[in-house]
Amino acid sequence: MSADEVTQAEKAGAARYSRSLLSVYDTVVVRWSSTLVWCCPSERRLANYNSSAGCSG
């Protein structure tokens, strides 16, 4: 199977993650929880991720 092929099981697993659900998750977990609990703003985490992943973003 190539990297471009998606199995039926993968499609079924991803189906529950709607755009609205992911938006709520992003707001609650990535922005509020991580910032308040871990005291690390999302901008800093994104910069660290991009640096580690070799991204120039």
N, C-alpha and C. Protein backbone atom coordinates (compact mmCIF):
# COMPACT_ATOMS: atom_id res chain seq x y z
N MET A 1 0.85 -1.18 0.00
CA MET A 1 0.00 0.00 0.00
C MET A 1 0.90 1.24 0.00
N SER A 2 0.57 2.19 -0.84
CA SER A 2 1.35 3.43 -0.90
C SER A 2 0.88 4.40 0.19
N ALA A 3 1.67 5.43 0.40
CA ALA A 3 1.34 6.42 1.42
C ALA A 3 0.09 7.21 1.06
N ASP A 4 -0.27 7.23 -0.22
CA ASP A 4 -1.44 7.98 -0.66
C ASP A 4 -2.75 7.23 -0.47
N GLU A 5 -2.66 5.93 -0.26
CA GLU A 5 -3.86 5.12 -0.10
C GLU A 5 -4.35 5.19 1.35
N VAL A 6 -5.65 5.31 1.51
CA VAL A 6 -6.26 5.35 2.84
C VAL A 6 -7.20 4.16 2.94
N THR A 7 -7.05 3.39 4.01
CA THR A 7 -7.91 2.22 4.17
C THR A 7 -9.29 2.63 4.66
N GLN A 8 -10.24 1.74 4.52
CA GLN A 8 -11.60 1.99 4.99
C GLN A 8 -11.60 2.20 6.50
N ALA A 9 -10.78 1.45 7.22
CA ALA A 9 -10.70 1.59 8.68
C ALA A 9 -10.17 2.98 9.06
N GLU A 10 -9.20 3.48 8.31
CA GLU A 10 -8.67 4.82 8.58
C GLU A 10 -9.72 5.88 8.31
N LYS A 11 -10.47 5.71 7.23
CA LYS A 11 -11.54 6.65 6.92
C LYS A 11 -12.60 6.64 8.01
N ALA A 12 -12.96 5.46 8.48
CA ALA A 12 -13.97 5.34 9.54
C ALA A 12 -13.47 5.97 10.84
N GLY A 13 -12.21 5.77 11.15
CA GLY A 13 -11.65 6.35 12.36
C GLY A 13 -11.59 7.86 12.32
N ALA A 14 -11.31 8.41 11.15
CA ALA A 14 -11.19 9.86 11.00
C ALA A 14 -12.55 10.54 10.86
N ALA A 15 -13.59 9.80 10.52
CA ALA A 15 -14.90 10.38 10.25
C ALA A 15 -15.49 11.12 11.45
N ARG A 16 -15.17 10.69 12.65
CA ARG A 16 -15.75 11.33 13.83
C ARG A 16 -15.15 12.70 14.14
N TYR A 17 -14.03 13.01 13.52
CA TYR A 17 -13.35 14.28 13.79
C TYR A 17 -13.78 15.34 12.79
N SER A 18 -14.90 15.97 13.08
CA SER A 18 -15.43 17.01 12.21
C SER A 18 -14.64 18.31 12.40
N ARG A 19 -14.80 19.22 11.47
CA ARG A 19 -14.12 20.51 11.58
C ARG A 19 -14.51 21.23 12.87
N SER A 20 -15.79 21.17 13.24
CA SER A 20 -16.24 21.86 14.46
C SER A 20 -15.67 21.20 15.71
N LEU A 21 -15.61 19.87 15.74
CA LEU A 21 -15.02 19.18 16.90
C LEU A 21 -13.54 19.52 17.04
N LEU A 22 -12.82 19.52 15.93
CA LEU A 22 -11.39 19.86 15.99
C LEU A 22 -11.16 21.31 16.39
N SER A 23 -12.08 22.18 16.02
CA SER A 23 -11.98 23.58 16.42
C SER A 23 -12.13 23.73 17.93
N VAL A 24 -13.10 23.01 18.50
CA VAL A 24 -13.30 23.04 19.95
C VAL A 24 -12.08 22.43 20.65
N TYR A 25 -11.59 21.31 20.16
CA TYR A 25 -10.40 20.65 20.73
C TYR A 25 -9.21 21.61 20.71
N ASP A 26 -8.99 22.26 19.58
CA ASP A 26 -7.88 23.19 19.46
C ASP A 26 -7.97 24.31 20.48
N THR A 27 -9.17 24.84 20.64
CA THR A 27 -9.36 25.94 21.59
C THR A 27 -9.15 25.48 23.03
N VAL A 28 -9.77 24.38 23.41
CA VAL A 28 -9.71 23.92 24.79
C VAL A 28 -8.34 23.36 25.14
N VAL A 29 -7.83 22.46 24.34
CA VAL A 29 -6.59 21.76 24.69
C VAL A 29 -5.36 22.57 24.31
N VAL A 30 -5.28 22.97 23.07
CA VAL A 30 -4.06 23.61 22.59
C VAL A 30 -3.90 25.02 23.16
N ARG A 31 -4.97 25.77 23.20
CA ARG A 31 -4.83 27.16 23.64
C ARG A 31 -4.99 27.32 25.16
N TRP A 32 -6.12 26.89 25.72
CA TRP A 32 -6.37 27.13 27.13
C TRP A 32 -5.60 26.19 28.04
N SER A 33 -5.80 24.92 27.88
CA SER A 33 -5.20 23.94 28.79
C SER A 33 -3.68 24.02 28.79
N SER A 34 -3.10 23.99 27.63
CA SER A 34 -1.64 24.01 27.55
C SER A 34 -1.07 25.31 28.09
N THR A 35 -1.73 26.41 27.81
CA THR A 35 -1.23 27.69 28.29
C THR A 35 -1.39 27.82 29.79
N LEU A 36 -2.57 27.43 30.32
CA LEU A 36 -2.81 27.58 31.75
C LEU A 36 -2.11 26.52 32.59
N VAL A 37 -2.15 25.27 32.16
CA VAL A 37 -1.59 24.18 32.95
C VAL A 37 -0.08 24.13 32.81
N TRP A 38 0.42 24.23 31.59
CA TRP A 38 1.86 24.08 31.35
C TRP A 38 2.59 25.40 31.27
N CYS A 39 1.86 26.51 31.34
CA CYS A 39 2.45 27.85 31.28
C CYS A 39 3.33 28.03 30.05
N CYS A 40 2.86 27.52 28.94
CA CYS A 40 3.60 27.62 27.69
C CYS A 40 2.64 28.07 26.60
N PRO A 41 2.77 29.32 26.15
CA PRO A 41 1.87 29.83 25.12
C PRO A 41 1.97 29.01 23.83
N SER A 42 0.87 28.95 23.10
CA SER A 42 0.83 28.15 21.88
C SER A 42 1.86 28.63 20.86
N GLU A 43 2.15 29.92 20.82
CA GLU A 43 3.14 30.44 19.88
C GLU A 43 4.52 29.83 20.15
N ARG A 44 4.88 29.70 21.42
CA ARG A 44 6.19 29.13 21.78
C ARG A 44 6.23 27.64 21.44
N ARG A 45 5.13 26.92 21.71
CA ARG A 45 5.10 25.49 21.37
C ARG A 45 5.21 25.29 19.87
N LEU A 46 4.53 26.13 19.09
CA LEU A 46 4.60 26.02 17.65
C LEU A 46 6.02 26.30 17.16
N ALA A 47 6.67 27.32 17.71
CA ALA A 47 8.05 27.64 17.32
C ALA A 47 8.98 26.47 17.66
N ASN A 48 8.79 25.87 18.84
CA ASN A 48 9.62 24.72 19.23
C ASN A 48 9.37 23.54 18.32
N TYR A 49 8.12 23.29 17.98
CA TYR A 49 7.79 22.20 17.08
C TYR A 49 8.43 22.42 15.71
N ASN A 50 8.25 23.63 15.17
CA ASN A 50 8.81 23.92 13.85
C ASN A 50 10.32 23.78 13.84
N SER A 51 10.95 24.20 14.91
CA SER A 51 12.40 24.07 15.00
C SER A 51 12.83 22.62 15.04
N SER A 52 12.14 21.82 15.83
CA SER A 52 12.47 20.40 15.96
C SER A 52 12.15 19.62 14.70
N ALA A 53 11.09 20.00 14.00
CA ALA A 53 10.66 19.28 12.80
C ALA A 53 11.40 19.76 11.55
N GLY A 54 12.23 20.77 11.72
CA GLY A 54 12.97 21.29 10.58
C GLY A 54 12.15 22.17 9.67
N CYS A 55 11.09 22.75 10.22
CA CYS A 55 10.23 23.63 9.43
C CYS A 55 10.75 25.07 9.52
N SER A 56 10.46 25.83 8.53
CA SER A 56 10.86 27.24 8.56
C SER A 56 9.61 28.09 8.67
N GLY A 57 8.80 27.83 9.70
CA GLY A 57 7.54 28.56 9.82
C GLY A 57 7.55 29.42 10.96
